[in-house]
Every structure is written in C-alpha cells, then in structure tokens.
Amino acid sequence: MDNLTIFTEFLLMDVTASRELQVLQGVLFLVIYLGALTGNLVTVTVIVTDTRLHSPMYFFISNVALLDLGSISVIVPKAVVNSMTGRKTISLTECTAQFFLYTLFAEGEFALLVVMSYDRYVAICHPLHYGLIITPSLCSQAIAGSWASGLVYSAVHTGALFRLPFTKTNVIQQYFCDIPQILRISSSDVQFSEFILLVVCFYFFLACVIFIFISYIKIFSTLLQMHSMEARNKAISTCTPQLAILLLFLISGSVAALSPIANKPSVKNLLTAMFYTIVPPFVNPIIYCLRNREINASLQRMFNSLTEI
C-alpha cells in the first residue's frame, strides 16, 4: 500500500488541440448555459407572478425548472472556466461535490416526472376527483419526497464511490465527474459495491418507467374518447410538453447509461456528454413555452406589459 499513489486531484478531458478551440468550446458552453439560465428563470418567474398559473401542474413545472437550473449550474460554469483559462484539473473535494449535486438534481427531476405523470392521469382520467386527490398538502409532500429521494440516492452513490482512495489513475475522460468515469478509476471493491447498487436502482427505475407509461397510456385512451375537440386540445396541450420532456430525459439517460466508457478523449465522447447533461435543461423551457398554451399566453402578457412601460 505504501507504493501506491493516492490522488487528490483529477485531470479532466480535453479534446481540443489548440488554445483557440478551447476558448471556442468555452464560449459555446457559456452561450448554452446563459440560454438555459434565462429560460428556466423566466419559466419560474412567469409561474410565480401569474396567479392564473397557481395550480399543482405549474407548481411541479417550476420545480422541474429549478432542478434543471441546478443540474446545469453544477457542471457548466466549471467547464467554462477551465476552457477559458486552459486548466484541466478539478480537486477531489470539487469532484465529490459536483458528483453529489448533479446526481441529486437528476434523480430529483426523475422522481418529479413520476409525480407529474400521476398528476396528469388524475386530471384527465378522474377530473371530478382532481381537487380531492391532488391537494396542496399532497403537492408539498410530493415535492419534498422528490427532493428527498434525490438526496438519498445521491448520498448513497457518492458514499459508495468516494469511500476509498483513488490509486489507479487521476485521468477522467470527461469534462465533469460522472458515474462511469469515476467508476472506471475506482478500486475493484468500490466497483463491485456500486454495481450491486446500480442493479437495485435499475429495477426501481424500471418500475417507475412502467408506472409512467401506464399512466400516459390511460391518459391518451381517455383523450381519444373525449367528444369535445376543445377539451381534448386543452388536455393535449398540458400533456404533450411533459411527455416530450419525459422522453428527452429517458433518451438522454439511456445514452448516458448505454454509451461505452471512454478511455481516451474524443469529440464523440464530448458530444454524448453534452447531450445528456446540457441539452435537457436548455430545451425544456423551450418545450414548455412552445407547447403549453397557458405559459405561452402568460409570457405574451408579461412581454406586453413590459413594452407598455
């Protein structure tokens, strides 16, 4: 053990061969981050300030926006600074914090998407009982439960992955600290325990996905039976944005899980990571603004009031 080197700092991936490309990469990350920051903050602001949107569905949407804001803020600013300054390192403490927070926000968002699918199921399939079932108290408990599940999930995985020193290598072939790369450089004991955890989490995740899709199957079967075209279109306008965000989350998560663990830097590895870490927080506000009629109308009212000042 005395001959082993214990690493307390990691080298992050760098796919660019020149300083100019590093700066260009940093500018790209910065533009995407500012777009995601603006979109999610506008979504939260519109929902909070417009009393017409003070309903459970929009309460959940505002929390999704906050989770998106958190997940992208944990990763991108550090990547921007590293690209702009030419640095490639991240300390063990920073890596642990980044891993813990990103996992917390990602798992919290998935739990919230499960809650939102149930909310839409009750609203469309049992509209007369919606107010009795989806109460303010239940909404608060669902939000607290989503954040708590993210906290527990993140704490367990962070504790499992960072409980032993890193002695293999300190090179992370990614621009942030994600599970596959940390697992790659971990000891065999840590890899085994994390594999057991991932298997258990996979079955729990699969059960949640089945629940979500059963909910949406029942929702769309109910929509097809509606005779009023106006009611059907209104219901669809509230469901399709959530379904689109759910599919984006699942597709990006599948890309993250099924992609081979990179052993050397590559543009493909960079683009894959950008897809599942940066694209969802950037695209989600656009989906809500374009597909949800109430949020779209509220945005127009807000912009009209600002232009009149």
Protein backbone atom coordinates (compact mmCIF):
# COMPACT_ATOMS: atom_id res chain seq x y z
CA MET A 1 0.00 0.00 0.00
CA ASP A 2 2.95 2.29 0.69
CA ASN A 3 3.91 2.16 -3.00
CA LEU A 4 0.51 3.34 -4.21
CA THR A 5 -0.15 6.94 -5.17
CA ILE A 6 -3.35 8.37 -3.69
CA PHE A 7 -4.78 11.02 -6.00
CA THR A 8 -6.44 14.13 -4.56
CA GLU A 9 -6.78 15.95 -7.89
CA PHE A 10 -8.12 14.80 -11.26
CA LEU A 11 -7.30 15.69 -14.86
CA LEU A 12 -10.38 16.37 -16.97
CA MET A 13 -10.85 15.55 -20.66
CA ASP A 14 -9.52 17.94 -23.28
CA VAL A 15 -10.45 17.09 -26.90
CA THR A 16 -9.23 20.35 -28.40
CA ALA A 17 -5.75 20.53 -29.86
CA SER A 18 -5.35 24.31 -29.79
CA ARG A 19 -5.94 27.19 -27.40
CA GLU A 20 -8.36 28.81 -29.86
CA LEU A 21 -10.57 25.72 -29.89
CA GLN A 22 -10.53 25.61 -26.11
CA VAL A 23 -11.82 29.18 -25.97
CA LEU A 24 -14.42 28.38 -28.64
CA GLN A 25 -15.60 25.41 -26.58
CA GLY A 26 -15.84 27.66 -23.52
CA VAL A 27 -17.87 30.25 -25.43
CA LEU A 28 -20.24 27.53 -26.69
CA PHE A 29 -20.76 26.23 -23.17
CA LEU A 30 -21.30 29.77 -21.90
CA VAL A 31 -23.93 30.60 -24.56
CA ILE A 32 -25.83 27.37 -23.86
CA TYR A 33 -25.63 27.97 -20.11
CA LEU A 34 -26.92 31.53 -20.37
CA GLY A 35 -29.76 30.31 -22.59
CA ALA A 36 -30.70 27.59 -20.08
CA LEU A 37 -30.35 30.03 -17.19
CA THR A 38 -32.62 32.58 -18.87
CA GLY A 39 -35.21 30.04 -19.99
CA ASN A 40 -35.58 28.33 -16.61
CA LEU A 41 -35.60 31.59 -14.65
CA VAL A 42 -38.26 33.02 -16.97
CA THR A 43 -40.35 29.86 -16.53
CA VAL A 44 -40.17 30.10 -12.74
CA THR A 45 -40.85 33.86 -12.77
CA VAL A 46 -43.91 33.54 -15.03
CA ILE A 47 -45.41 30.76 -12.89
CA VAL A 48 -44.75 32.59 -9.62
CA THR A 49 -46.04 36.00 -10.75
CA ASP A 50 -49.11 34.92 -12.76
CA THR A 51 -51.96 33.86 -10.45
CA ARG A 52 -53.61 32.00 -13.35
CA LEU A 53 -50.76 29.51 -13.17
CA HIS A 54 -51.03 28.86 -9.44
CA SER A 55 -52.09 25.22 -9.82
CA PRO A 56 -50.41 21.88 -8.96
CA MET A 57 -49.23 21.22 -12.52
CA TYR A 58 -47.38 24.53 -12.79
CA PHE A 59 -46.07 24.16 -9.25
CA PHE A 60 -44.41 20.94 -10.42
CA ILE A 61 -43.15 22.57 -13.63
CA SER A 62 -41.49 25.39 -11.67
CA ASN A 63 -39.66 22.81 -9.55
CA VAL A 64 -38.50 20.97 -12.69
CA ALA A 65 -37.11 24.30 -13.92
CA LEU A 66 -35.26 24.78 -10.62
CA LEU A 67 -33.81 21.26 -10.81
CA ASP A 68 -32.72 21.86 -14.42
CA LEU A 69 -31.12 25.11 -13.34
CA GLY A 70 -29.27 23.32 -10.56
CA SER A 71 -28.04 20.41 -12.68
CA ILE A 72 -26.57 22.59 -15.43
CA SER A 73 -25.10 25.10 -12.94
CA VAL A 74 -23.19 22.34 -11.17
CA ILE A 75 -21.32 21.32 -14.34
CA VAL A 76 -21.12 24.04 -16.99
CA PRO A 77 -19.60 27.04 -15.12
CA LYS A 78 -16.61 24.91 -14.09
CA ALA A 79 -16.24 23.68 -17.68
CA VAL A 80 -16.40 27.26 -18.97
CA VAL A 81 -13.72 28.45 -16.54
CA ASN A 82 -11.44 25.51 -17.39
CA SER A 83 -11.84 26.10 -21.14
CA MET A 84 -11.23 29.84 -20.89
CA THR A 85 -8.21 29.56 -18.59
CA GLY A 86 -6.71 26.40 -20.12
CA ARG A 87 -6.96 24.49 -16.83
CA LYS A 88 -7.70 20.77 -16.89
CA THR A 89 -7.86 19.93 -13.18
CA ILE A 90 -10.54 19.50 -10.54
CA SER A 91 -9.83 18.75 -6.89
CA LEU A 92 -11.20 15.66 -5.13
CA THR A 93 -13.45 17.86 -2.98
CA GLU A 94 -14.83 19.70 -6.03
CA CYS A 95 -15.33 16.42 -7.86
CA THR A 96 -17.21 14.89 -4.93
CA ALA A 97 -19.43 17.97 -4.57
CA GLN A 98 -20.10 18.11 -8.32
CA PHE A 99 -20.99 14.43 -8.46
CA PHE A 100 -23.24 14.64 -5.39
CA LEU A 101 -25.15 17.72 -6.53
CA TYR A 102 -25.60 16.65 -10.15
CA THR A 103 -26.88 13.22 -9.09
CA LEU A 104 -29.22 14.87 -6.58
CA PHE A 105 -30.76 17.18 -9.20
CA ALA A 106 -31.02 14.46 -11.88
CA GLU A 107 -32.67 11.90 -9.59
CA GLY A 108 -34.93 14.57 -8.07
CA GLU A 109 -36.13 15.52 -11.54
CA PHE A 110 -36.89 11.92 -12.45
CA ALA A 111 -38.92 11.49 -9.26
CA LEU A 112 -40.80 14.69 -10.07
CA LEU A 113 -41.58 13.43 -13.60
CA VAL A 114 -43.17 10.36 -12.00
CA VAL A 115 -45.29 12.63 -9.80
CA MET A 116 -46.28 14.78 -12.79
CA SER A 117 -47.43 11.76 -14.77
CA TYR A 118 -49.75 10.82 -11.89
CA ASP A 119 -50.99 14.41 -11.67
CA ARG A 120 -51.93 14.40 -15.38
CA TYR A 121 -53.52 10.96 -15.02
CA VAL A 122 -55.82 12.16 -12.24
CA ALA A 123 -56.57 15.47 -14.01
CA ILE A 124 -57.65 13.82 -17.28
CA CYS A 125 -58.94 10.40 -16.25
CA HIS A 126 -60.64 11.49 -12.99
CA PRO A 127 -61.30 15.24 -13.40
CA LEU A 128 -64.19 15.34 -10.90
CA HIS A 129 -61.97 13.98 -8.13
CA TYR A 130 -58.87 16.01 -9.03
CA GLY A 131 -59.35 18.64 -6.32
CA LEU A 132 -59.95 15.96 -3.69
CA ILE A 133 -56.91 13.86 -4.64
CA ILE A 134 -54.28 16.44 -5.68
CA THR A 135 -54.44 18.70 -2.64
CA PRO A 136 -51.93 21.45 -1.73
CA SER A 137 -50.72 19.25 1.09
CA LEU A 138 -50.12 16.32 -1.28
CA CYS A 139 -48.28 18.60 -3.72
CA SER A 140 -45.94 19.81 -0.97
CA GLN A 141 -45.32 16.24 0.16
CA ALA A 142 -44.64 15.13 -3.43
CA ILE A 143 -42.12 17.94 -3.95
CA ALA A 144 -40.43 17.21 -0.62
CA GLY A 145 -40.38 13.49 -1.46
CA SER A 146 -38.81 14.14 -4.87
CA TRP A 147 -36.02 16.24 -3.39
CA ALA A 148 -35.55 13.75 -0.54
CA SER A 149 -35.31 10.79 -2.95
CA GLY A 150 -32.67 12.67 -4.93
CA LEU A 151 -30.78 13.42 -1.71
CA VAL A 152 -30.83 9.79 -0.54
CA TYR A 153 -29.92 8.40 -3.98
CA SER A 154 -27.07 10.87 -4.36
CA ALA A 155 -25.74 10.34 -0.83
CA VAL A 156 -25.70 6.56 -1.24
CA HIS A 157 -23.87 6.64 -4.59
CA THR A 158 -21.45 9.36 -3.50
CA GLY A 159 -20.62 7.46 -0.33
CA ALA A 160 -20.12 4.23 -2.26
CA LEU A 161 -17.89 5.73 -4.97
CA PHE A 162 -15.75 8.04 -2.85
CA ARG A 163 -15.34 5.88 0.27
CA LEU A 164 -11.89 4.59 -0.76
CA PRO A 165 -8.86 6.49 -2.14
CA PHE A 166 -8.25 6.64 -5.90
CA THR A 167 -4.97 4.88 -6.73
CA LYS A 168 -5.35 3.65 -10.34
CA THR A 169 -5.20 6.93 -12.24
CA ASN A 170 -6.37 10.52 -11.90
CA VAL A 171 -7.41 11.00 -15.54
CA ILE A 172 -11.16 11.49 -16.14
CA GLN A 173 -12.05 11.24 -19.83
CA GLN A 174 -14.92 13.68 -19.45
CA TYR A 175 -15.37 17.39 -18.76
CA PHE A 176 -17.07 16.69 -15.42
CA CYS A 177 -17.19 13.95 -12.77
CA ASP A 178 -19.82 11.44 -13.86
CA ILE A 179 -20.57 7.91 -12.65
CA PRO A 180 -18.93 5.85 -15.46
CA GLN A 181 -15.64 7.75 -15.31
CA ILE A 182 -15.42 7.73 -11.51
CA LEU A 183 -16.29 4.04 -11.56
CA ARG A 184 -13.56 3.41 -14.16
CA ILE A 185 -10.82 4.81 -11.92
CA SER A 186 -12.17 3.31 -8.67
CA SER A 187 -10.85 0.25 -6.87
CA SER A 188 -12.33 -3.20 -7.55
CA ASP A 189 -14.11 -3.22 -4.16
CA VAL A 190 -15.84 0.06 -4.97
CA GLN A 191 -16.74 -1.16 -8.46
CA PHE A 192 -18.39 -4.28 -7.06
CA SER A 193 -20.46 -2.45 -4.42
CA GLU A 194 -21.50 0.22 -6.93
CA PHE A 195 -22.50 -2.48 -9.43
CA ILE A 196 -24.85 -4.00 -6.83
CA LEU A 197 -26.32 -0.56 -6.12
CA LEU A 198 -26.82 0.16 -9.82
CA VAL A 199 -28.62 -3.16 -10.36
CA VAL A 200 -31.02 -2.43 -7.49
CA CYS A 201 -31.58 1.13 -8.74
CA PHE A 202 -32.17 -0.14 -12.27
CA TYR A 203 -35.12 -2.29 -11.21
CA PHE A 204 -36.58 0.57 -9.16
CA PHE A 205 -36.09 2.89 -12.13
CA LEU A 206 -37.72 0.37 -14.45
CA ALA A 207 -40.76 0.12 -12.16
CA CYS A 208 -41.10 3.91 -12.23
CA VAL A 209 -40.84 4.00 -16.04
CA ILE A 210 -43.54 1.31 -16.34
CA PHE A 211 -45.78 3.32 -13.99
CA ILE A 212 -45.24 6.46 -16.09
CA PHE A 213 -46.06 4.79 -19.39
CA ILE A 214 -49.14 3.04 -17.98
CA SER A 215 -50.32 6.46 -16.78
CA TYR A 216 -49.84 8.01 -20.23
CA ILE A 217 -51.47 5.05 -21.99
CA LYS A 218 -54.56 5.57 -19.84
CA ILE A 219 -54.38 9.33 -20.43
CA PHE A 220 -54.33 9.04 -24.21
CA SER A 221 -57.02 6.36 -24.23
CA THR A 222 -59.21 8.79 -22.27
CA LEU A 223 -58.35 11.61 -24.68
CA LEU A 224 -59.47 9.52 -27.64
CA GLN A 225 -62.86 9.03 -26.01
CA MET A 226 -63.48 12.76 -25.50
CA HIS A 227 -66.22 14.18 -27.71
CA SER A 228 -65.33 17.84 -27.19
CA MET A 229 -62.49 18.84 -29.51
CA GLU A 230 -61.73 21.93 -27.41
CA ALA A 231 -61.41 19.89 -24.20
CA ARG A 232 -59.25 17.34 -25.98
CA ASN A 233 -56.90 20.00 -27.39
CA LYS A 234 -56.61 21.69 -23.99
CA ALA A 235 -55.77 18.39 -22.31
CA ILE A 236 -53.24 17.53 -25.03
CA SER A 237 -51.55 20.93 -24.61
CA THR A 238 -50.91 20.12 -20.94
CA CYS A 239 -49.72 16.54 -21.58
CA THR A 240 -47.50 16.75 -24.63
CA PRO A 241 -44.87 19.10 -23.10
CA GLN A 242 -44.49 16.81 -20.09
CA LEU A 243 -44.34 13.74 -22.30
CA ALA A 244 -41.74 15.41 -24.54
CA ILE A 245 -39.60 16.33 -21.53
CA LEU A 246 -40.02 12.82 -20.12
CA LEU A 247 -38.90 11.24 -23.40
CA LEU A 248 -35.94 13.63 -23.64
CA PHE A 249 -34.95 12.73 -20.08
CA LEU A 250 -35.23 8.98 -20.74
CA ILE A 251 -33.40 9.14 -24.08
CA SER A 252 -30.56 11.24 -22.64
CA GLY A 253 -30.39 8.94 -19.61
CA SER A 254 -30.24 5.89 -21.88
CA VAL A 255 -27.43 7.49 -23.88
CA ALA A 256 -25.52 8.10 -20.65
CA ALA A 257 -26.08 4.54 -19.42
CA LEU A 258 -25.51 2.65 -22.66
CA SER A 259 -22.58 4.60 -24.08
CA PRO A 260 -19.24 2.77 -23.73
CA ILE A 261 -16.92 4.16 -21.08
CA ALA A 262 -14.31 6.25 -22.87
CA ASN A 263 -10.64 5.50 -22.26
CA LYS A 264 -9.36 8.41 -24.33
CA PRO A 265 -10.63 11.90 -25.21
CA SER A 266 -12.78 12.25 -28.33
CA VAL A 267 -15.28 14.65 -29.87
CA LYS A 268 -17.90 11.88 -29.82
CA ASN A 269 -17.44 11.48 -26.07
CA LEU A 270 -17.79 15.24 -25.59
CA LEU A 271 -20.97 15.49 -27.70
CA THR A 272 -22.53 12.48 -25.96
CA ALA A 273 -21.94 14.03 -22.55
CA MET A 274 -23.29 17.38 -23.72
CA PHE A 275 -26.46 15.66 -24.94
CA TYR A 276 -27.38 14.16 -21.57
CA THR A 277 -26.11 16.95 -19.31
CA ILE A 278 -26.68 20.23 -21.16
CA VAL A 279 -29.40 19.66 -23.78
CA PRO A 280 -32.34 18.78 -21.43
CA PRO A 281 -32.02 21.89 -19.18
CA PHE A 282 -31.63 24.06 -22.30
CA VAL A 283 -34.51 22.53 -24.28
CA ASN A 284 -37.09 22.01 -21.50
CA PRO A 285 -38.08 25.71 -21.16
CA ILE A 286 -38.42 25.96 -24.94
CA ILE A 287 -40.77 22.96 -24.95
CA TYR A 288 -42.96 24.48 -22.25
CA CYS A 289 -43.09 27.89 -23.91
CA LEU A 290 -43.94 26.49 -27.35
CA ARG A 291 -46.33 23.68 -26.41
CA ASN A 292 -48.11 24.86 -23.25
CA ARG A 293 -50.80 27.39 -24.15
CA GLU A 294 -51.16 28.84 -20.64
CA ILE A 295 -47.44 29.51 -20.20
CA ASN A 296 -47.25 30.88 -23.74
CA ALA A 297 -50.16 33.24 -23.08
CA SER A 298 -48.67 34.31 -19.76
CA LEU A 299 -45.35 35.08 -21.44
CA GLN A 300 -47.11 37.23 -24.03
CA ARG A 301 -48.94 39.14 -21.31
CA MET A 302 -45.68 39.70 -19.44
CA PHE A 303 -43.85 40.95 -22.55
CA ASN A 304 -46.78 43.21 -23.47
CA SER A 305 -46.78 44.76 -20.02
CA LEU A 306 -43.02 45.34 -20.22
CA THR A 307 -43.29 47.04 -23.62
CA GLU A 308 -46.00 49.36 -22.29
CA ILE A 309 -43.76 50.66 -19.52
